[in-house]
């Protein structure tokens, strides 16, 4: 039986936003907690969160959960997201047969979309909205060692292209798999759209 761990990259400096994205509110809930609630509601039992900027504030916000492993990326100011992914992969519990990877700034993905990705057969599965792929990405444990040893060229895209598998696309009716909150304007627009579809 498959067992899942969610891997969340949350190490960035958030320069374009001008505020710390994981703690921006969605209603009364910090974005990171909104995201974790959705993943845990799908039966996922553990999360690995890669921290960098404002590490202690992030840990404090997540203290309501005991099933989180925090991994610090000491080079978060200068290195790339793939460095965070590799640090997080190395900390995934042994019993996890798959991960679901997502950056922290895509917090509006529905539990239904997460469940669809989990339930879709395949060793590398993307959710897809109108033929555009998004997050979270499901990756089988059998590829962890290859991803950990990858040289980082072209980041996650390059790493996935190097794997001996073709991705599977799980079609969902959820535009939020595509949308990240990189700027204050994008954040406000996403909040408005989210309230309209709730």
N, C-alpha and C. Protein backbone atom coordinates (compact mmCIF):
# COMPACT_ATOMS: atom_id res chain seq x y z
N UNK A 1 0.85 -1.20 0.00
CA UNK A 1 0.00 0.00 0.00
C UNK A 1 0.88 1.24 0.00
N UNK A 2 0.53 2.22 -0.83
CA UNK A 2 1.33 3.43 -0.92
C UNK A 2 1.21 4.27 0.34
N UNK A 3 2.32 4.83 0.76
CA UNK A 3 2.32 5.79 1.87
C UNK A 3 2.98 7.07 1.38
N UNK A 4 2.40 8.19 1.74
CA UNK A 4 2.78 9.47 1.16
C UNK A 4 3.36 10.42 2.20
N UNK A 5 4.30 11.21 1.72
CA UNK A 5 4.85 12.33 2.48
C UNK A 5 4.77 13.55 1.57
N UNK A 6 4.35 14.69 2.11
CA UNK A 6 4.36 15.91 1.32
C UNK A 6 5.67 16.64 1.60
N UNK A 7 6.31 17.09 0.53
CA UNK A 7 7.56 17.85 0.62
C UNK A 7 7.27 19.28 0.16
N UNK A 8 7.46 20.23 1.06
CA UNK A 8 7.14 21.63 0.79
C UNK A 8 8.41 22.46 0.85
N UNK A 9 8.70 23.14 -0.24
CA UNK A 9 9.85 24.04 -0.29
C UNK A 9 9.39 25.42 0.18
N UNK A 10 9.95 25.88 1.32
CA UNK A 10 9.53 27.15 1.92
C UNK A 10 10.73 27.97 2.38
N UNK A 11 11.83 27.89 1.63
CA UNK A 11 13.07 28.52 2.08
C UNK A 11 13.30 29.91 1.52
N UNK A 12 12.49 30.33 0.55
CA UNK A 12 12.80 31.55 -0.19
C UNK A 12 12.69 32.83 0.61
N UNK A 13 13.32 33.87 0.09
CA UNK A 13 13.38 35.18 0.74
C UNK A 13 12.12 36.01 0.49
N UNK A 14 11.31 35.66 -0.52
CA UNK A 14 10.04 36.34 -0.82
C UNK A 14 10.25 37.81 -1.19
N UNK A 15 11.29 38.10 -1.93
CA UNK A 15 11.60 39.50 -2.25
C UNK A 15 10.50 40.18 -3.06
N UNK A 16 9.96 39.50 -4.07
CA UNK A 16 8.94 40.12 -4.91
C UNK A 16 7.64 40.37 -4.14
N UNK A 17 7.33 39.50 -3.19
CA UNK A 17 6.12 39.67 -2.40
C UNK A 17 6.28 40.80 -1.39
N UNK A 18 7.48 40.92 -0.81
CA UNK A 18 7.67 41.93 0.22
C UNK A 18 7.12 41.52 1.57
N UNK A 19 6.67 40.29 1.68
CA UNK A 19 6.17 39.72 2.93
C UNK A 19 6.46 38.22 2.89
N UNK A 20 6.41 37.58 4.06
CA UNK A 20 6.77 36.16 4.15
C UNK A 20 5.58 35.31 3.72
N UNK A 21 5.67 34.74 2.53
CA UNK A 21 4.53 34.07 1.91
C UNK A 21 3.93 32.95 2.75
N UNK A 22 4.72 32.09 3.41
CA UNK A 22 4.09 31.01 4.16
C UNK A 22 3.15 31.46 5.28
N UNK A 23 3.33 32.68 5.76
CA UNK A 23 2.51 33.16 6.87
C UNK A 23 1.44 34.16 6.44
N UNK A 24 1.32 34.43 5.14
CA UNK A 24 0.24 35.29 4.67
C UNK A 24 -1.10 34.61 4.97
N UNK A 25 -2.09 35.37 5.39
CA UNK A 25 -3.35 34.74 5.80
C UNK A 25 -4.23 34.32 4.64
N UNK A 26 -4.84 33.16 4.80
CA UNK A 26 -5.96 32.72 3.97
C UNK A 26 -7.12 32.58 4.93
N UNK A 27 -7.99 33.58 4.94
CA UNK A 27 -8.96 33.67 6.03
C UNK A 27 -8.23 33.96 7.32
N UNK A 28 -8.46 33.12 8.31
CA UNK A 28 -7.79 33.27 9.60
C UNK A 28 -6.58 32.36 9.74
N UNK A 29 -6.17 31.72 8.65
CA UNK A 29 -5.16 30.67 8.72
C UNK A 29 -3.93 31.04 7.91
N UNK A 30 -2.72 30.88 8.47
CA UNK A 30 -1.52 31.10 7.65
C UNK A 30 -1.50 30.16 6.44
N UNK A 31 -0.96 30.64 5.34
CA UNK A 31 -0.96 29.85 4.10
C UNK A 31 -0.36 28.46 4.30
N UNK A 32 0.74 28.36 5.05
CA UNK A 32 1.39 27.06 5.26
C UNK A 32 0.46 26.09 5.99
N UNK A 33 -0.33 26.59 6.94
CA UNK A 33 -1.25 25.73 7.68
C UNK A 33 -2.44 25.35 6.80
N UNK A 34 -2.94 26.30 6.02
CA UNK A 34 -4.00 25.99 5.06
C UNK A 34 -3.57 24.85 4.14
N UNK A 35 -2.35 24.94 3.66
CA UNK A 35 -1.80 23.93 2.77
C UNK A 35 -1.66 22.58 3.49
N UNK A 36 -1.07 22.59 4.66
CA UNK A 36 -0.88 21.35 5.42
C UNK A 36 -2.22 20.71 5.77
N UNK A 37 -3.20 21.52 6.16
CA UNK A 37 -4.53 20.98 6.47
C UNK A 37 -5.08 20.20 5.28
N UNK A 38 -4.92 20.77 4.08
CA UNK A 38 -5.45 20.10 2.88
C UNK A 38 -4.73 18.78 2.61
N UNK A 39 -3.42 18.78 2.75
CA UNK A 39 -2.68 17.53 2.51
C UNK A 39 -3.00 16.48 3.57
N UNK A 40 -3.01 16.87 4.83
CA UNK A 40 -3.28 15.91 5.89
C UNK A 40 -4.71 15.38 5.83
N UNK A 41 -5.64 16.19 5.30
CA UNK A 41 -7.02 15.72 5.19
C UNK A 41 -7.16 14.61 4.15
N UNK A 42 -6.13 14.45 3.31
CA UNK A 42 -6.15 13.40 2.28
C UNK A 42 -5.49 12.12 2.76
N UNK A 43 -5.16 12.04 4.01
CA UNK A 43 -4.58 10.82 4.56
C UNK A 43 -3.07 10.79 4.56
N UNK A 44 -2.43 11.87 4.14
CA UNK A 44 -0.96 11.95 4.21
C UNK A 44 -0.56 12.08 5.67
N UNK A 45 0.45 11.34 6.07
CA UNK A 45 0.77 11.24 7.50
C UNK A 45 1.99 12.04 7.92
N UNK A 46 2.77 12.56 6.95
CA UNK A 46 3.99 13.27 7.34
C UNK A 46 4.30 14.36 6.31
N UNK A 47 4.92 15.42 6.80
CA UNK A 47 5.37 16.52 5.92
C UNK A 47 6.83 16.80 6.20
N UNK A 48 7.56 17.12 5.14
CA UNK A 48 8.92 17.65 5.25
C UNK A 48 8.87 19.08 4.72
N UNK A 49 9.26 20.02 5.56
CA UNK A 49 9.23 21.43 5.19
C UNK A 49 10.66 21.95 5.18
N UNK A 50 11.09 22.46 4.03
CA UNK A 50 12.44 23.00 3.91
C UNK A 50 12.38 24.49 4.21
N UNK A 51 13.13 24.91 5.22
CA UNK A 51 13.09 26.29 5.69
C UNK A 51 14.36 27.03 5.29
N UNK A 52 14.28 28.34 5.39
CA UNK A 52 15.44 29.20 5.16
C UNK A 52 15.19 30.51 5.87
N UNK A 53 14.61 31.46 5.12
CA UNK A 53 14.24 32.76 5.66
C UNK A 53 13.15 32.58 6.73
N UNK A 54 13.27 33.30 7.84
CA UNK A 54 12.30 33.28 8.93
C UNK A 54 11.98 31.85 9.40
N UNK A 55 13.01 31.07 9.56
CA UNK A 55 12.84 29.66 9.95
C UNK A 55 12.05 29.51 11.24
N UNK A 56 12.41 30.29 12.27
CA UNK A 56 11.76 30.11 13.57
C UNK A 56 10.29 30.50 13.53
N UNK A 57 9.96 31.55 12.80
CA UNK A 57 8.55 31.94 12.67
C UNK A 57 7.74 30.85 11.98
N UNK A 58 8.35 30.22 10.99
CA UNK A 58 7.67 29.14 10.27
C UNK A 58 7.46 27.94 11.18
N UNK A 59 8.47 27.58 11.93
CA UNK A 59 8.33 26.45 12.87
C UNK A 59 7.26 26.73 13.91
N UNK A 60 7.23 27.95 14.41
CA UNK A 60 6.23 28.30 15.42
C UNK A 60 4.83 28.19 14.86
N UNK A 61 4.63 28.66 13.63
CA UNK A 61 3.31 28.59 13.01
C UNK A 61 2.86 27.14 12.83
N UNK A 62 3.80 26.25 12.58
CA UNK A 62 3.48 24.84 12.31
C UNK A 62 3.49 23.98 13.56
N UNK A 63 3.66 24.59 14.72
CA UNK A 63 3.83 23.81 15.96
C UNK A 63 2.56 23.05 16.36
N UNK A 64 1.43 23.36 15.72
CA UNK A 64 0.20 22.60 16.02
C UNK A 64 0.29 21.17 15.52
N UNK A 65 1.25 20.90 14.64
CA UNK A 65 1.44 19.56 14.09
C UNK A 65 2.72 18.95 14.62
N UNK A 66 2.66 17.66 14.94
CA UNK A 66 3.86 16.95 15.40
C UNK A 66 4.50 16.12 14.30
N UNK A 67 3.78 15.96 13.19
CA UNK A 67 4.25 15.06 12.13
C UNK A 67 4.95 15.82 11.01
N UNK A 68 5.80 16.79 11.38
CA UNK A 68 6.55 17.57 10.40
C UNK A 68 8.04 17.48 10.70
N UNK A 69 8.82 17.21 9.67
CA UNK A 69 10.28 17.29 9.76
C UNK A 69 10.71 18.60 9.10
N UNK A 70 11.43 19.41 9.84
CA UNK A 70 11.95 20.67 9.29
C UNK A 70 13.41 20.47 8.90
N UNK A 71 13.75 20.94 7.72
CA UNK A 71 15.12 20.86 7.22
C UNK A 71 15.53 22.27 6.82
N UNK A 72 16.64 22.75 7.35
CA UNK A 72 17.09 24.11 7.06
C UNK A 72 18.02 24.12 5.85
N UNK A 73 17.76 25.05 4.94
CA UNK A 73 18.64 25.27 3.80
C UNK A 73 19.53 26.47 4.12
N UNK A 74 20.78 26.24 4.54
CA UNK A 74 21.62 27.36 4.96
C UNK A 74 22.02 28.29 3.84
N UNK A 75 21.91 27.83 2.60
CA UNK A 75 22.28 28.66 1.46
C UNK A 75 21.09 29.29 0.76
N UNK A 76 19.98 29.47 1.49
CA UNK A 76 18.74 29.89 0.83
C UNK A 76 18.84 31.25 0.14
N UNK A 77 19.78 32.10 0.56
CA UNK A 77 19.91 33.42 -0.06
C UNK A 77 20.53 33.35 -1.46
N UNK A 78 21.30 32.30 -1.71
CA UNK A 78 22.06 32.25 -2.97
C UNK A 78 21.78 31.03 -3.83
N UNK A 79 21.28 29.95 -3.25
CA UNK A 79 21.13 28.76 -4.09
C UNK A 79 19.71 28.66 -4.67
N UNK A 80 19.43 27.56 -5.35
CA UNK A 80 18.20 27.42 -6.12
C UNK A 80 17.20 26.51 -5.42
N UNK A 81 15.96 26.52 -5.92
CA UNK A 81 14.94 25.69 -5.30
C UNK A 81 15.32 24.21 -5.32
N UNK A 82 16.04 23.79 -6.38
CA UNK A 82 16.37 22.37 -6.44
C UNK A 82 17.28 21.95 -5.28
N UNK A 83 18.09 22.87 -4.77
CA UNK A 83 18.89 22.56 -3.59
C UNK A 83 17.98 22.26 -2.40
N UNK A 84 16.91 23.02 -2.26
CA UNK A 84 15.94 22.75 -1.19
C UNK A 84 15.25 21.41 -1.40
N UNK A 85 14.91 21.12 -2.65
CA UNK A 85 14.26 19.83 -2.93
C UNK A 85 15.16 18.67 -2.53
N UNK A 86 16.43 18.76 -2.86
CA UNK A 86 17.36 17.68 -2.51
C UNK A 86 17.52 17.55 -0.99
N UNK A 87 17.59 18.68 -0.29
CA UNK A 87 17.67 18.62 1.17
C UNK A 87 16.41 17.97 1.75
N UNK A 88 15.26 18.32 1.20
CA UNK A 88 14.01 17.73 1.68
C UNK A 88 13.90 16.25 1.37
N UNK A 89 14.29 15.87 0.17
CA UNK A 89 14.25 14.45 -0.21
C UNK A 89 15.08 13.59 0.73
N UNK A 90 16.24 14.11 1.11
CA UNK A 90 17.13 13.35 1.99
C UNK A 90 16.51 13.12 3.37
N UNK A 91 15.49 13.91 3.71
CA UNK A 91 14.86 13.80 5.04
C UNK A 91 13.52 13.07 5.01
N UNK A 92 13.10 12.60 3.85
CA UNK A 92 11.83 11.89 3.76
C UNK A 92 11.91 10.58 4.54
N UNK A 93 10.94 10.30 5.41
CA UNK A 93 10.98 9.06 6.19
C UNK A 93 11.07 7.81 5.31
N UNK A 94 11.77 6.83 5.79
CA UNK A 94 12.03 5.60 5.04
C UNK A 94 10.75 4.91 4.60
N UNK A 95 9.71 5.00 5.43
CA UNK A 95 8.48 4.26 5.12
C UNK A 95 7.65 4.89 4.02
N UNK A 96 7.98 6.10 3.59
CA UNK A 96 7.20 6.76 2.54
C UNK A 96 7.54 6.19 1.17
N UNK A 97 6.54 5.74 0.46
CA UNK A 97 6.76 5.16 -0.87
C UNK A 97 6.66 6.20 -1.98
N UNK A 98 6.06 7.35 -1.67
CA UNK A 98 5.91 8.44 -2.64
C UNK A 98 5.99 9.77 -1.91
N UNK A 99 6.40 10.79 -2.64
CA UNK A 99 6.24 12.15 -2.13
C UNK A 99 5.28 12.91 -3.04
N UNK A 100 4.67 13.92 -2.47
CA UNK A 100 3.98 14.95 -3.22
C UNK A 100 4.77 16.23 -3.00
N UNK A 101 5.34 16.77 -4.06
CA UNK A 101 6.16 17.98 -3.91
C UNK A 101 5.38 19.21 -4.36
N UNK A 102 5.52 20.29 -3.58
CA UNK A 102 4.95 21.56 -3.97
C UNK A 102 5.74 22.70 -3.34
N UNK A 103 5.91 23.81 -4.06
CA UNK A 103 6.40 25.02 -3.42
C UNK A 103 5.33 25.57 -2.48
N UNK A 104 5.75 26.30 -1.46
CA UNK A 104 4.81 26.81 -0.46
C UNK A 104 3.89 27.89 -1.02
N UNK A 105 4.25 28.50 -2.14
CA UNK A 105 3.45 29.62 -2.63
C UNK A 105 2.33 29.20 -3.58
N UNK A 106 1.95 27.92 -3.54
CA UNK A 106 0.79 27.43 -4.30
C UNK A 106 -0.18 26.77 -3.29
N UNK A 107 -0.76 27.59 -2.39
CA UNK A 107 -1.47 27.02 -1.24
C UNK A 107 -2.96 26.76 -1.46
N UNK A 108 -3.51 27.12 -2.62
CA UNK A 108 -4.96 27.05 -2.80
C UNK A 108 -5.43 25.75 -3.46
N UNK A 109 -4.52 24.82 -3.72
CA UNK A 109 -4.89 23.54 -4.36
C UNK A 109 -5.89 22.80 -3.47
N UNK A 110 -6.94 22.28 -4.08
CA UNK A 110 -8.01 21.64 -3.31
C UNK A 110 -7.61 20.24 -2.85
N UNK A 111 -8.20 19.77 -1.75
CA UNK A 111 -7.98 18.38 -1.34
C UNK A 111 -8.39 17.39 -2.43
N UNK A 112 -9.41 17.74 -3.20
CA UNK A 112 -9.86 16.84 -4.28
C UNK A 112 -8.77 16.66 -5.33
N UNK A 113 -8.08 17.74 -5.65
CA UNK A 113 -6.99 17.65 -6.63
C UNK A 113 -5.83 16.83 -6.08
N UNK A 114 -5.51 17.05 -4.82
CA UNK A 114 -4.46 16.26 -4.17
C UNK A 114 -4.81 14.78 -4.21
N UNK A 115 -6.06 14.46 -3.87
CA UNK A 115 -6.51 13.07 -3.86
C UNK A 115 -6.46 12.46 -5.26
N UNK A 116 -6.80 13.26 -6.27
CA UNK A 116 -6.75 12.76 -7.65
C UNK A 116 -5.33 12.37 -8.03
N UNK A 117 -4.37 13.21 -7.68
CA UNK A 117 -2.97 12.90 -7.98
C UNK A 117 -2.55 11.62 -7.25
N UNK A 118 -2.92 11.50 -5.98
CA UNK A 118 -2.57 10.31 -5.21
C UNK A 118 -3.17 9.04 -5.81
N UNK A 119 -4.39 9.16 -6.32
CA UNK A 119 -5.11 7.98 -6.81
C UNK A 119 -4.80 7.63 -8.26
N UNK A 120 -4.02 8.47 -8.94
CA UNK A 120 -3.68 8.22 -10.34
C UNK A 120 -2.46 7.31 -10.40
N UNK A 121 -2.59 6.21 -11.13
CA UNK A 121 -1.46 5.29 -11.29
C UNK A 121 -0.33 5.98 -12.04
N UNK A 122 0.88 5.74 -11.58
CA UNK A 122 2.05 6.31 -12.24
C UNK A 122 3.13 6.62 -11.23
N UNK A 123 4.36 6.57 -11.70
CA UNK A 123 5.50 6.83 -10.82
C UNK A 123 5.90 8.30 -10.80
N UNK A 124 5.39 9.04 -11.79
CA UNK A 124 5.63 10.48 -11.88
C UNK A 124 4.33 11.08 -12.40
N UNK A 125 3.59 11.76 -11.51
CA UNK A 125 2.25 12.22 -11.85
C UNK A 125 2.11 13.71 -11.56
N UNK A 126 1.70 14.47 -12.59
CA UNK A 126 1.38 15.88 -12.45
C UNK A 126 -0.13 16.06 -12.50
N UNK A 127 -0.70 16.96 -11.70
CA UNK A 127 -2.06 17.38 -12.00
C UNK A 127 -2.04 18.29 -13.22
N UNK A 128 -3.13 18.29 -13.96
CA UNK A 128 -3.21 19.08 -15.19
C UNK A 128 -4.56 19.79 -15.24
N UNK A 129 -4.52 21.09 -15.52
CA UNK A 129 -5.73 21.87 -15.69
C UNK A 129 -5.75 22.42 -17.11
N UNK A 130 -6.68 21.95 -17.93
CA UNK A 130 -6.77 22.35 -19.34
C UNK A 130 -5.42 22.19 -20.04
N UNK A 131 -4.80 21.04 -19.79
CA UNK A 131 -3.55 20.62 -20.43
C UNK A 131 -2.33 21.43 -19.98
N UNK A 132 -2.44 22.09 -18.85
CA UNK A 132 -1.29 22.76 -18.26
C UNK A 132 -0.95 22.09 -16.93
N UNK A 133 0.29 21.66 -16.78
CA UNK A 133 0.65 20.91 -15.59
C UNK A 133 0.96 21.85 -14.42
N UNK A 134 0.67 21.36 -13.21
CA UNK A 134 0.88 22.15 -12.02
C UNK A 134 1.41 21.33 -10.87
N UNK A 135 1.03 21.71 -9.66
CA UNK A 135 1.46 21.03 -8.44
C UNK A 135 0.23 20.62 -7.63
N UNK A 136 0.40 19.60 -6.78
CA UNK A 136 1.62 18.91 -6.38
C UNK A 136 2.01 17.79 -7.35
N UNK A 137 3.27 17.53 -7.40
CA UNK A 137 3.85 16.49 -8.25
C UNK A 137 4.11 15.24 -7.42
N UNK A 138 3.59 14.10 -7.90
CA UNK A 138 3.84 12.82 -7.22
C UNK A 138 5.08 12.16 -7.80
N UNK A 139 5.98 11.72 -6.92
CA UNK A 139 7.21 11.06 -7.35
C UNK A 139 7.39 9.78 -6.53
N UNK A 140 7.63 8.68 -7.23
CA UNK A 140 7.86 7.40 -6.58
C UNK A 140 9.24 7.35 -5.90
N UNK A 141 9.30 6.63 -4.81
CA UNK A 141 10.55 6.50 -4.05
C UNK A 141 11.69 5.93 -4.88
N UNK A 142 11.38 5.15 -5.89
CA UNK A 142 12.45 4.52 -6.66
C UNK A 142 13.33 5.55 -7.39
N UNK A 143 12.84 6.80 -7.50
CA UNK A 143 13.63 7.84 -8.17
C UNK A 143 14.34 8.77 -7.21
N UNK A 144 14.16 8.57 -5.91
CA UNK A 144 14.76 9.50 -4.95
C UNK A 144 16.28 9.57 -5.09
N UNK A 145 16.94 8.41 -5.22
CA UNK A 145 18.41 8.42 -5.26
C UNK A 145 18.90 9.14 -6.51
N UNK A 146 18.22 8.95 -7.64
CA UNK A 146 18.61 9.65 -8.86
C UNK A 146 18.44 11.15 -8.72
N UNK A 147 17.36 11.57 -8.08
CA UNK A 147 17.13 13.00 -7.88
C UNK A 147 18.14 13.59 -6.90
N UNK A 148 18.52 12.82 -5.90
CA UNK A 148 19.50 13.30 -4.93
C UNK A 148 20.89 13.45 -5.53
N UNK A 149 21.20 12.63 -6.50
CA UNK A 149 22.53 12.69 -7.12
C UNK A 149 22.58 13.57 -8.35
N UNK A 150 21.43 14.10 -8.78
CA UNK A 150 21.40 14.93 -9.98
C UNK A 150 22.21 16.21 -9.76
N UNK A 151 22.89 16.67 -10.83
CA UNK A 151 23.82 17.81 -10.70
C UNK A 151 23.14 19.17 -10.60
N UNK A 152 21.82 19.22 -10.75
CA UNK A 152 21.11 20.48 -10.56
C UNK A 152 20.89 21.30 -11.81
N UNK A 153 21.45 20.88 -12.95
CA UNK A 153 21.30 21.66 -14.19
C UNK A 153 19.83 21.77 -14.58
N UNK A 154 19.37 23.00 -14.78
CA UNK A 154 17.98 23.29 -15.14
C UNK A 154 16.99 22.85 -14.06
N UNK A 155 17.48 22.77 -12.82
CA UNK A 155 16.61 22.55 -11.68
C UNK A 155 15.76 21.30 -11.75
N UNK A 156 14.53 21.41 -11.22
CA UNK A 156 13.64 20.26 -11.17
C UNK A 156 13.29 19.77 -12.57
N UNK A 157 13.10 20.69 -13.52
CA UNK A 157 12.79 20.27 -14.89
C UNK A 157 13.87 19.34 -15.44
N UNK A 158 15.12 19.76 -15.29
CA UNK A 158 16.22 18.95 -15.78
C UNK A 158 16.30 17.61 -15.07
N UNK A 159 16.07 17.63 -13.77
CA UNK A 159 16.12 16.38 -12.99
C UNK A 159 15.05 15.40 -13.45
N UNK A 160 13.85 15.90 -13.67
CA UNK A 160 12.76 15.02 -14.10
C UNK A 160 13.00 14.49 -15.51
N UNK A 161 13.57 15.33 -16.38
CA UNK A 161 13.88 14.85 -17.73
C UNK A 161 14.92 13.74 -17.72
N UNK A 162 15.76 13.71 -16.70
CA UNK A 162 16.82 12.71 -16.63
C UNK A 162 16.30 11.34 -16.17
N UNK A 163 15.08 11.29 -15.69
CA UNK A 163 14.54 10.03 -15.16
C UNK A 163 14.04 9.14 -16.29
N UNK A 164 14.14 7.82 -16.12
CA UNK A 164 13.72 6.88 -17.17
C UNK A 164 12.22 6.59 -17.10
N UNK A 165 11.41 7.65 -17.10
CA UNK A 165 9.96 7.48 -16.98
C UNK A 165 9.29 8.67 -17.66
N UNK A 166 8.14 8.41 -18.25
CA UNK A 166 7.33 9.48 -18.83
C UNK A 166 6.28 9.91 -17.81
N UNK A 167 6.04 11.20 -17.67
CA UNK A 167 5.04 11.64 -16.70
C UNK A 167 3.63 11.26 -17.11
N UNK A 168 2.80 11.08 -16.10
CA UNK A 168 1.37 10.87 -16.28
C UNK A 168 0.68 12.16 -15.84
N UNK A 169 -0.38 12.53 -16.54
CA UNK A 169 -1.09 13.77 -16.23
C UNK A 169 -2.49 13.43 -15.73
N UNK A 170 -2.80 13.93 -14.55
CA UNK A 170 -4.12 13.71 -13.95
C UNK A 170 -4.94 14.97 -14.13
N UNK A 171 -5.97 14.91 -14.96
CA UNK A 171 -6.77 16.10 -15.26
C UNK A 171 -7.66 16.45 -14.07
N UNK A 172 -7.59 17.71 -13.65
CA UNK A 172 -8.42 18.21 -12.55
C UNK A 172 -9.06 19.53 -12.98
N UNK A 173 -10.22 19.83 -12.40
CA UNK A 173 -10.88 21.12 -12.66
C UNK A 173 -10.52 22.07 -11.52
N UNK A 174 -9.25 22.44 -11.49
CA UNK A 174 -8.74 23.24 -10.38
C UNK A 174 -7.64 24.17 -10.88
N UNK A 175 -7.99 25.41 -11.22
CA UNK A 175 -6.97 26.34 -11.74
C UNK A 175 -5.89 26.67 -10.72
N UNK A 176 -6.16 26.39 -9.44
CA UNK A 176 -5.19 26.77 -8.40
C UNK A 176 -3.95 25.88 -8.39
N UNK A 177 -3.96 24.79 -9.17
CA UNK A 177 -2.73 23.99 -9.27
C UNK A 177 -1.64 24.74 -10.03
N UNK A 178 -2.05 25.80 -10.75
CA UNK A 178 -1.12 26.53 -11.62
C UNK A 178 -0.65 27.85 -11.02
N UNK A 179 -1.32 28.33 -9.99
CA UNK A 179 -1.16 29.73 -9.60
C UNK A 179 -0.33 29.88 -8.33
N UNK A 180 0.74 30.65 -8.46
CA UNK A 180 1.55 30.96 -7.27
C UNK A 180 1.37 32.43 -6.90
N UNK A 181 1.61 32.72 -5.63
CA UNK A 181 1.41 34.09 -5.14
C UNK A 181 2.78 34.76 -4.99
N UNK A 182 3.30 35.23 -6.11
CA UNK A 182 4.63 35.82 -6.13
C UNK A 182 4.66 37.29 -5.78
N UNK A 183 3.55 37.98 -6.01
CA UNK A 183 3.49 39.42 -5.78
C UNK A 183 2.26 39.75 -4.95
N UNK A 184 2.22 40.94 -4.32
CA UNK A 184 1.01 41.33 -3.57
C UNK A 184 -0.24 41.31 -4.44
N UNK A 185 -0.10 41.73 -5.69
CA UNK A 185 -1.25 41.76 -6.59
C UNK A 185 -1.77 40.35 -6.88
N UNK A 186 -0.83 39.42 -7.12
CA UNK A 186 -1.22 38.03 -7.37
C UNK A 186 -1.89 37.42 -6.14
N UNK A 187 -1.36 37.72 -4.98
CA UNK A 187 -1.93 37.21 -3.72
C UNK A 187 -3.37 37.70 -3.55
N UNK A 188 -3.61 38.99 -3.74
CA UNK A 188 -4.96 39.53 -3.57
C UNK A 188 -5.91 38.95 -4.61
N UNK A 189 -5.45 38.79 -5.84
CA UNK A 189 -6.29 38.21 -6.89
C UNK A 189 -6.66 36.76 -6.56
N UNK A 190 -5.68 36.00 -6.08
CA UNK A 190 -5.94 34.60 -5.74
C UNK A 190 -6.89 34.49 -4.56
N UNK A 191 -6.73 35.36 -3.57
CA UNK A 191 -7.66 35.35 -2.44
C UNK A 191 -9.09 35.60 -2.92
N UNK A 192 -9.25 36.56 -3.80
CA UNK A 192 -10.58 36.88 -4.33
C UNK A 192 -11.16 35.69 -5.10
N UNK A 193 -10.34 35.08 -5.96
CA UNK A 193 -10.81 33.93 -6.74
C UNK A 193 -11.16 32.76 -5.82
N UNK A 194 -10.35 32.56 -4.80
CA UNK A 194 -10.60 31.45 -3.87
C UNK A 194 -11.91 31.65 -3.12
N UNK A 195 -12.16 32.87 -2.69
CA UNK A 195 -13.42 33.14 -1.97
C UNK A 195 -14.63 32.93 -2.89
N UNK A 196 -14.47 33.21 -4.16
CA UNK A 196 -15.58 33.06 -5.10
C UNK A 196 -15.96 31.61 -5.37
N UNK A 197 -14.99 30.71 -5.26
CA UNK A 197 -15.28 29.30 -5.59
C UNK A 197 -15.48 28.44 -4.35
N UNK A 198 -15.29 28.98 -3.18
CA UNK A 198 -15.46 28.16 -1.96
C UNK A 198 -16.90 27.71 -1.79
